[in-house]
Amino acid sequence: MYTAGACATSRAVGAFLTRHAIPFTEQNIDHDAQARAELLARADVSALPVTQVGDQIFSGTFRDQREGIARALRLTGGR
């Protein structure tokens, strides 16, 4: 998951993944130039956080991402 700053949506996505026991790595692009370069190479997005599940990219608010992440991880209920 690519994040920047103190973002409530980033915390919500992280909590969702943790609640479902899904391991993830958070990369803060404010502090990691390599992570920023990777993000720009992988996704043409302007909203953070960006969550990558396999080859799928999700961005925007947690509400925008939740259903897609749940499908990609084959979780039931999306919660």
PDB file of N, CA and C in Angstrom:
ATOM      1  N   MET A   1       0.854  -1.155   0.000  1.00  0.00           N
ATOM      2  CA  MET A   1       0.000   0.000   0.000  1.00  0.00           C
ATOM      3  C   MET A   1       0.905   1.224   0.000  1.00  0.00           C
ATOM      4  N   TYR A   2       0.663   2.124  -0.937  1.00  0.00           N
ATOM      5  CA  TYR A   2       1.410   3.373  -1.016  1.00  0.00           C
ATOM      6  C   TYR A   2       0.603   4.463  -0.316  1.00  0.00           C
ATOM      7  N   THR A   3       1.258   5.181   0.600  1.00  0.00           N
ATOM      8  CA  THR A   3       0.585   6.218   1.371  1.00  0.00           C
ATOM      9  C   THR A   3       1.416   7.498   1.348  1.00  0.00           C
ATOM     10  N   ALA A   4       0.821   8.556   1.874  1.00  0.00           N
ATOM     11  CA  ALA A   4       1.523   9.824   2.057  1.00  0.00           C
ATOM     12  C   ALA A   4       0.916  10.532   3.260  1.00  0.00           C
ATOM     13  N   GLY A   5       1.761  11.069   4.125  1.00  0.00           N
ATOM     14  CA  GLY A   5       1.286  11.837   5.268  1.00  0.00           C
ATOM     15  C   GLY A   5       0.405  11.036   6.209  1.00  0.00           C
ATOM     16  N   ALA A   6      -0.293  11.758   7.061  1.00  0.00           N
ATOM     17  CA  ALA A   6      -1.217  11.154   8.027  1.00  0.00           C
ATOM     18  C   ALA A   6      -2.599  11.107   7.385  1.00  0.00           C
ATOM     19  N   CYS A   7      -2.901  10.008   6.747  1.00  0.00           N
ATOM     20  CA  CYS A   7      -4.111   9.886   5.936  1.00  0.00           C
ATOM     21  C   CYS A   7      -5.106   8.935   6.594  1.00  0.00           C
ATOM     22  N   ALA A   8      -6.308   9.406   6.858  1.00  0.00           N
ATOM     23  CA  ALA A   8      -7.344   8.570   7.479  1.00  0.00           C
ATOM     24  C   ALA A   8      -7.722   7.397   6.580  1.00  0.00           C
ATOM     25  N   THR A   9      -7.743   7.607   5.279  1.00  0.00           N
ATOM     26  CA  THR A   9      -8.074   6.520   4.359  1.00  0.00           C
ATOM     27  C   THR A   9      -7.001   5.439   4.400  1.00  0.00           C
ATOM     28  N   SER A  10      -5.743   5.836   4.488  1.00  0.00           N
ATOM     29  CA  SER A  10      -4.663   4.856   4.600  1.00  0.00           C
ATOM     30  C   SER A  10      -4.843   4.004   5.851  1.00  0.00           C
ATOM     31  N   ARG A  11      -5.185   4.648   6.961  1.00  0.00           N
ATOM     32  CA  ARG A  11      -5.417   3.903   8.209  1.00  0.00           C
ATOM     33  C   ARG A  11      -6.600   2.958   8.057  1.00  0.00           C
ATOM     34  N   ALA A  12      -7.647   3.384   7.360  1.00  0.00           N
ATOM     35  CA  ALA A  12      -8.834   2.536   7.174  1.00  0.00           C
ATOM     36  C   ALA A  12      -8.506   1.317   6.308  1.00  0.00           C
ATOM     37  N   VAL A  13      -7.754   1.513   5.235  1.00  0.00           N
ATOM     38  CA  VAL A  13      -7.370   0.383   4.388  1.00  0.00           C
ATOM     39  C   VAL A  13      -6.475  -0.565   5.176  1.00  0.00           C
ATOM     40  N   GLY A  14      -5.506  -0.026   5.918  1.00  0.00           N
ATOM     41  CA  GLY A  14      -4.627  -0.855   6.739  1.00  0.00           C
ATOM     42  C   GLY A  14      -5.396  -1.645   7.781  1.00  0.00           C
ATOM     43  N   ALA A  15      -6.382  -1.016   8.414  1.00  0.00           N
ATOM     44  CA  ALA A  15      -7.206  -1.708   9.417  1.00  0.00           C
ATOM     45  C   ALA A  15      -8.027  -2.822   8.773  1.00  0.00           C
ATOM     46  N   PHE A  16      -8.557  -2.580   7.589  1.00  0.00           N
ATOM     47  CA  PHE A  16      -9.319  -3.588   6.857  1.00  0.00           C
ATOM     48  C   PHE A  16      -8.451  -4.805   6.567  1.00  0.00           C
ATOM     49  N   LEU A  17      -7.252  -4.570   6.060  1.00  0.00           N
ATOM     50  CA  LEU A  17      -6.352  -5.676   5.740  1.00  0.00           C
ATOM     51  C   LEU A  17      -5.952  -6.438   7.010  1.00  0.00           C
ATOM     52  N   THR A  18      -5.665  -5.701   8.070  1.00  0.00           N
ATOM     53  CA  THR A  18      -5.298  -6.324   9.346  1.00  0.00           C
ATOM     54  C   THR A  18      -6.454  -7.147   9.900  1.00  0.00           C
ATOM     55  N   ARG A  19      -7.655  -6.600   9.836  1.00  0.00           N
ATOM     56  CA  ARG A  19      -8.848  -7.297  10.344  1.00  0.00           C
ATOM     57  C   ARG A  19      -9.047  -8.636   9.635  1.00  0.00           C
ATOM     58  N   HIS A  20      -8.656  -8.702   8.380  1.00  0.00           N
ATOM     59  CA  HIS A  20      -8.801  -9.931   7.599  1.00  0.00           C
ATOM     60  C   HIS A  20      -7.507 -10.746   7.570  1.00  0.00           C
ATOM     61  N   ALA A  21      -6.560 -10.394   8.440  1.00  0.00           N
ATOM     62  CA  ALA A  21      -5.284 -11.105   8.560  1.00  0.00           C
ATOM     63  C   ALA A  21      -4.540 -11.185   7.225  1.00  0.00           C
ATOM     64  N   ILE A  22      -4.609 -10.095   6.453  1.00  0.00           N
ATOM     65  CA  ILE A  22      -3.916 -10.002   5.174  1.00  0.00           C
ATOM     66  C   ILE A  22      -2.610  -9.237   5.403  1.00  0.00           C
ATOM     67  N   PRO A  23      -1.478  -9.879   5.210  1.00  0.00           N
ATOM     68  CA  PRO A  23      -0.212  -9.153   5.381  1.00  0.00           C
ATOM     69  C   PRO A  23      -0.059  -8.094   4.287  1.00  0.00           C
ATOM     70  N   PHE A  24       0.522  -6.960   4.651  1.00  0.00           N
ATOM     71  CA  PHE A  24       0.745  -5.906   3.670  1.00  0.00           C
ATOM     72  C   PHE A  24       1.961  -5.088   4.064  1.00  0.00           C
ATOM     73  N   THR A  25       2.476  -4.372   3.095  1.00  0.00           N
ATOM     74  CA  THR A  25       3.598  -3.473   3.317  1.00  0.00           C
ATOM     75  C   THR A  25       3.132  -2.069   3.001  1.00  0.00           C
ATOM     76  N   GLU A  26       3.375  -1.149   3.913  1.00  0.00           N
ATOM     77  CA  GLU A  26       3.041   0.256   3.683  1.00  0.00           C
ATOM     78  C   GLU A  26       4.302   0.990   3.255  1.00  0.00           C
ATOM     79  N   GLN A  27       4.193   1.725   2.160  1.00  0.00           N
ATOM     80  CA  GLN A  27       5.310   2.506   1.658  1.00  0.00           C
ATOM     81  C   GLN A  27       4.879   3.965   1.566  1.00  0.00           C
ATOM     82  N   ASN A  28       5.470   4.808   2.399  1.00  0.00           N
ATOM     83  CA  ASN A  28       5.118   6.221   2.447  1.00  0.00           C
ATOM     84  C   ASN A  28       5.954   6.964   1.412  1.00  0.00           C
ATOM     85  N   ILE A  29       5.292   7.469   0.383  1.00  0.00           N
ATOM     86  CA  ILE A  29       6.017   8.114  -0.716  1.00  0.00           C
ATOM     87  C   ILE A  29       6.573   9.486  -0.328  1.00  0.00           C
ATOM     88  N   ASP A  30       6.138  10.032   0.819  1.00  0.00           N
ATOM     89  CA  ASP A  30       6.721  11.283   1.303  1.00  0.00           C
ATOM     90  C   ASP A  30       8.160  11.078   1.764  1.00  0.00           C
ATOM     91  N   HIS A  31       8.462   9.876   2.235  1.00  0.00           N
ATOM     92  CA  HIS A  31       9.765   9.603   2.842  1.00  0.00           C
ATOM     93  C   HIS A  31      10.607   8.611   2.053  1.00  0.00           C
ATOM     94  N   ASP A  32      10.064   8.063   0.964  1.00  0.00           N
ATOM     95  CA  ASP A  32      10.770   7.011   0.229  1.00  0.00           C
ATOM     96  C   ASP A  32      10.697   7.303  -1.268  1.00  0.00           C
ATOM     97  N   ALA A  33      11.782   7.864  -1.784  1.00  0.00           N
ATOM     98  CA  ALA A  33      11.815   8.248  -3.199  1.00  0.00           C
ATOM     99  C   ALA A  33      11.678   7.037  -4.116  1.00  0.00           C
ATOM    100  N   GLN A  34      12.231   5.894  -3.719  1.00  0.00           N
ATOM    101  CA  GLN A  34      12.123   4.684  -4.536  1.00  0.00           C
ATOM    102  C   GLN A  34      10.671   4.223  -4.601  1.00  0.00           C
ATOM    103  N   ALA A  35       9.957   4.288  -3.471  1.00  0.00           N
ATOM    104  CA  ALA A  35       8.543   3.903  -3.453  1.00  0.00           C
ATOM    105  C   ALA A  35       7.740   4.842  -4.355  1.00  0.00           C
ATOM    106  N   ARG A  36       8.060   6.130  -4.321  1.00  0.00           N
ATOM    107  CA  ARG A  36       7.372   7.091  -5.186  1.00  0.00           C
ATOM    108  C   ARG A  36       7.599   6.746  -6.653  1.00  0.00           C
ATOM    109  N   ALA A  37       8.830   6.422  -7.011  1.00  0.00           N
ATOM    110  CA  ALA A  37       9.143   6.057  -8.399  1.00  0.00           C
ATOM    111  C   ALA A  37       8.410   4.778  -8.803  1.00  0.00           C
ATOM    112  N   GLU A  38       8.367   3.789  -7.907  1.00  0.00           N
ATOM    113  CA  GLU A  38       7.631   2.549  -8.186  1.00  0.00           C
ATOM    114  C   GLU A  38       6.157   2.835  -8.423  1.00  0.00           C
ATOM    115  N   LEU A  39       5.571   3.667  -7.567  1.00  0.00           N
ATOM    116  CA  LEU A  39       4.151   4.005  -7.701  1.00  0.00           C
ATOM    117  C   LEU A  39       3.882   4.660  -9.049  1.00  0.00           C
ATOM    118  N   LEU A  40       4.686   5.625  -9.406  1.00  0.00           N
ATOM    119  CA  LEU A  40       4.480   6.326 -10.676  1.00  0.00           C
ATOM    120  C   LEU A  40       4.644   5.391 -11.866  1.00  0.00           C
ATOM    121  N   ALA A  41       5.520   4.402 -11.737  1.00  0.00           N
ATOM    122  CA  ALA A  41       5.720   3.448 -12.828  1.00  0.00           C
ATOM    123  C   ALA A  41       4.558   2.454 -12.931  1.00  0.00           C
ATOM    124  N   ARG A  42       3.905   2.157 -11.817  1.00  0.00           N
ATOM    125  CA  ARG A  42       2.859   1.130 -11.790  1.00  0.00           C
ATOM    126  C   ARG A  42       1.452   1.667 -12.020  1.00  0.00           C
ATOM    127  N   ALA A  43       1.200   2.880 -11.597  1.00  0.00           N
ATOM    128  CA  ALA A  43      -0.182   3.356 -11.610  1.00  0.00           C
ATOM    129  C   ALA A  43      -0.259   4.814 -12.009  1.00  0.00           C
ATOM    130  N   ASP A  44      -1.232   5.139 -12.815  1.00  0.00           N
ATOM    131  CA  ASP A  44      -1.489   6.522 -13.205  1.00  0.00           C
ATOM    132  C   ASP A  44      -2.654   7.022 -12.360  1.00  0.00           C
ATOM    133  N   VAL A  45      -2.356   7.369 -11.114  1.00  0.00           N
ATOM    134  CA  VAL A  45      -3.397   7.799 -10.184  1.00  0.00           C
ATOM    135  C   VAL A  45      -2.977   9.091  -9.501  1.00  0.00           C
ATOM    136  N   SER A  46      -3.973   9.823  -9.014  1.00  0.00           N
ATOM    137  CA  SER A  46      -3.673  11.063  -8.306  1.00  0.00           C
ATOM    138  C   SER A  46      -4.169  11.042  -6.870  1.00  0.00           C
ATOM    139  N   ALA A  47      -4.836   9.971  -6.454  1.00  0.00           N
ATOM    140  CA  ALA A  47      -5.377   9.891  -5.101  1.00  0.00           C
ATOM    141  C   ALA A  47      -4.688   8.774  -4.324  1.00  0.00           C
ATOM    142  N   LEU A  48      -4.296   9.083  -3.114  1.00  0.00           N
ATOM    143  CA  LEU A  48      -3.701   8.092  -2.230  1.00  0.00           C
ATOM    144  C   LEU A  48      -4.682   7.755  -1.128  1.00  0.00           C
ATOM    145  N   PRO A  49      -4.599   6.602  -0.525  1.00  0.00           N
ATOM    146  CA  PRO A  49      -3.587   5.604  -0.766  1.00  0.00           C
ATOM    147  C   PRO A  49      -3.861   4.829  -2.041  1.00  0.00           C
ATOM    148  N   VAL A  50      -2.823   4.177  -2.532  1.00  0.00           N
ATOM    149  CA  VAL A  50      -2.930   3.243  -3.643  1.00  0.00           C
ATOM    150  C   VAL A  50      -2.640   1.870  -3.073  1.00  0.00           C
ATOM    151  N   THR A  51      -3.544   0.942  -3.300  1.00  0.00           N
ATOM    152  CA  THR A  51      -3.400  -0.412  -2.796  1.00  0.00           C
ATOM    153  C   THR A  51      -3.236  -1.338  -3.983  1.00  0.00           C
ATOM    154  N   GLN A  52      -2.199  -2.149  -3.945  1.00  0.00           N
ATOM    155  CA  GLN A  52      -1.954  -3.100  -5.025  1.00  0.00           C
ATOM    156  C   GLN A  52      -2.172  -4.502  -4.485  1.00  0.00           C
ATOM    157  N   VAL A  53      -3.039  -5.260  -5.165  1.00  0.00           N
ATOM    158  CA  VAL A  53      -3.284  -6.662  -4.852  1.00  0.00           C
ATOM    159  C   VAL A  53      -2.949  -7.436  -6.121  1.00  0.00           C
ATOM    160  N   GLY A  54      -1.828  -8.127  -6.098  1.00  0.00           N
ATOM    161  CA  GLY A  54      -1.366  -8.778  -7.326  1.00  0.00           C
ATOM    162  C   GLY A  54      -1.107  -7.720  -8.381  1.00  0.00           C
ATOM    163  N   ASP A  55      -1.734  -7.857  -9.533  1.00  0.00           N
ATOM    164  CA  ASP A  55      -1.589  -6.881 -10.611  1.00  0.00           C
ATOM    165  C   ASP A  55      -2.669  -5.810 -10.590  1.00  0.00           C
ATOM    166  N   GLN A  56      -3.597  -5.888  -9.642  1.00  0.00           N
ATOM    167  CA  GLN A  56      -4.708  -4.938  -9.584  1.00  0.00           C
ATOM    168  C   GLN A  56      -4.339  -3.738  -8.704  1.00  0.00           C
ATOM    169  N   ILE A  57      -4.729  -2.556  -9.158  1.00  0.00           N
ATOM    170  CA  ILE A  57      -4.441  -1.310  -8.460  1.00  0.00           C
ATOM    171  C   ILE A  57      -5.763  -0.672  -8.037  1.00  0.00           C
ATOM    172  N   PHE A  58      -5.845  -0.247  -6.778  1.00  0.00           N
ATOM    173  CA  PHE A  58      -7.026   0.438  -6.244  1.00  0.00           C
ATOM    174  C   PHE A  58      -6.568   1.754  -5.628  1.00  0.00           C
ATOM    175  N   SER A  59      -7.343   2.822  -5.842  1.00  0.00           N
ATOM    176  CA  SER A  59      -6.977   4.112  -5.251  1.00  0.00           C
ATOM    177  C   SER A  59      -8.231   4.864  -4.851  1.00  0.00           C
ATOM    178  N   GLY A  60      -8.010   5.915  -4.087  1.00  0.00           N
ATOM    179  CA  GLY A  60      -9.118   6.749  -3.633  1.00  0.00           C
ATOM    180  C   GLY A  60      -9.492   6.437  -2.202  1.00  0.00           C
ATOM    181  N   THR A  61     -10.696   6.803  -1.834  1.00  0.00           N
ATOM    182  CA  THR A  61     -11.139   6.606  -0.460  1.00  0.00           C
ATOM    183  C   THR A  61     -11.281   5.122  -0.157  1.00  0.00           C
ATOM    184  N   PHE A  62     -11.333   4.793   1.119  1.00  0.00           N
ATOM    185  CA  PHE A  62     -11.532   3.403   1.524  1.00  0.00           C
ATOM    186  C   PHE A  62     -12.840   2.883   0.954  1.00  0.00           C
ATOM    187  N   ARG A  63     -13.866   3.704   0.983  1.00  0.00           N
ATOM    188  CA  ARG A  63     -15.158   3.302   0.415  1.00  0.00           C
ATOM    189  C   ARG A  63     -15.001   2.930  -1.060  1.00  0.00           C
ATOM    190  N   ASP A  64     -14.193   3.703  -1.783  1.00  0.00           N
ATOM    191  CA  ASP A  64     -13.956   3.414  -3.203  1.00  0.00           C
ATOM    192  C   ASP A  64     -13.174   2.119  -3.399  1.00  0.00           C
ATOM    193  N   GLN A  65     -12.274   1.811  -2.466  1.00  0.00           N
ATOM    194  CA  GLN A  65     -11.382   0.667  -2.625  1.00  0.00           C
ATOM    195  C   GLN A  65     -11.925  -0.644  -2.049  1.00  0.00           C
ATOM    196  N   ARG A  66     -12.720  -0.554  -0.994  1.00  0.00           N
ATOM    197  CA  ARG A  66     -13.091  -1.729  -0.192  1.00  0.00           C
ATOM    198  C   ARG A  66     -13.623  -2.904  -1.014  1.00  0.00           C
ATOM    199  N   GLU A  67     -14.598  -2.673  -1.855  1.00  0.00           N
ATOM    200  CA  GLU A  67     -15.217  -3.770  -2.610  1.00  0.00           C
ATOM    201  C   GLU A  67     -14.220  -4.429  -3.564  1.00  0.00           C
ATOM    202  N   GLY A  68     -13.437  -3.630  -4.264  1.00  0.00           N
ATOM    203  CA  GLY A  68     -12.458  -4.173  -5.195  1.00  0.00           C
ATOM    204  C   GLY A  68     -11.371  -4.973  -4.490  1.00  0.00           C
ATOM    205  N   ILE A  69     -10.897  -4.460  -3.359  1.00  0.00           N
ATOM    206  CA  ILE A  69      -9.885  -5.181  -2.585  1.00  0.00           C
ATOM    207  C   ILE A  69     -10.466  -6.500  -2.099  1.00  0.00           C
ATOM    208  N   ALA A  70     -11.680  -6.469  -1.583  1.00  0.00           N
ATOM    209  CA  ALA A  70     -12.321  -7.685  -1.074  1.00  0.00           C
ATOM    210  C   ALA A  70     -12.462  -8.727  -2.189  1.00  0.00           C
ATOM    211  N   ARG A  71     -12.865  -8.286  -3.374  1.00  0.00           N
ATOM    212  CA  ARG A  71     -12.978  -9.217  -4.508  1.00  0.00           C
ATOM    213  C   ARG A  71     -11.617  -9.787  -4.879  1.00  0.00           C
ATOM    214  N   ALA A  72     -10.616  -8.918  -4.950  1.00  0.00           N
ATOM    215  CA  ALA A  72      -9.280  -9.360  -5.335  1.00  0.00           C
ATOM    216  C   ALA A  72      -8.709 -10.371  -4.336  1.00  0.00           C
ATOM    217  N   LEU A  73      -9.072 -10.195  -3.063  1.00  0.00           N
ATOM    218  CA  LEU A  73      -8.589 -11.106  -2.021  1.00  0.00           C
ATOM    219  C   LEU A  73      -9.537 -12.263  -1.763  1.00  0.00           C
ATOM    220  N   ARG A  74     -10.638 -12.281  -2.524  1.00  0.00           N
ATOM    221  CA  ARG A  74     -11.665 -13.309  -2.391  1.00  0.00           C
ATOM    222  C   ARG A  74     -12.258 -13.380  -0.987  1.00  0.00           C
ATOM    223  N   LEU A  75     -12.498 -12.195  -0.413  1.00  0.00           N
ATOM    224  CA  LEU A  75     -13.134 -12.089   0.898  1.00  0.00           C
ATOM    225  C   LEU A  75     -14.635 -12.000   0.692  1.00  0.00           C
ATOM    226  N   THR A  76     -15.408 -12.525   1.592  1.00  0.00           N
ATOM    227  CA  THR A  76     -16.863 -12.442   1.479  1.00  0.00           C
ATOM    228  C   THR A  76     -17.349 -11.222   2.249  1.00  0.00           C
ATOM    229  N   GLY A  77     -18.359 -10.590   1.745  1.00  0.00           N
ATOM    230  CA  GLY A  77     -18.989  -9.472   2.435  1.00  0.00           C
ATOM    231  C   GLY A  77     -18.304  -8.139   2.279  1.00  0.00           C
ATOM    232  N   GLY A  78     -17.064  -8.103   1.852  1.00  0.00           N
ATOM    233  CA  GLY A  78     -16.360  -6.845   1.634  1.00  0.00           C
ATOM    234  C   GLY A  78     -16.131  -6.024   2.873  1.00  0.00           C
ATOM    235  N   ARG A  79     -16.308  -6.562   4.050  1.00  0.00           N
ATOM    236  CA  ARG A  79     -16.128  -5.787   5.276  1.00  0.00           C
ATOM    237  C   ARG A  79     -14.882  -6.194   5.972  1.00  0.00           C
TER     238      ARG A  79
END
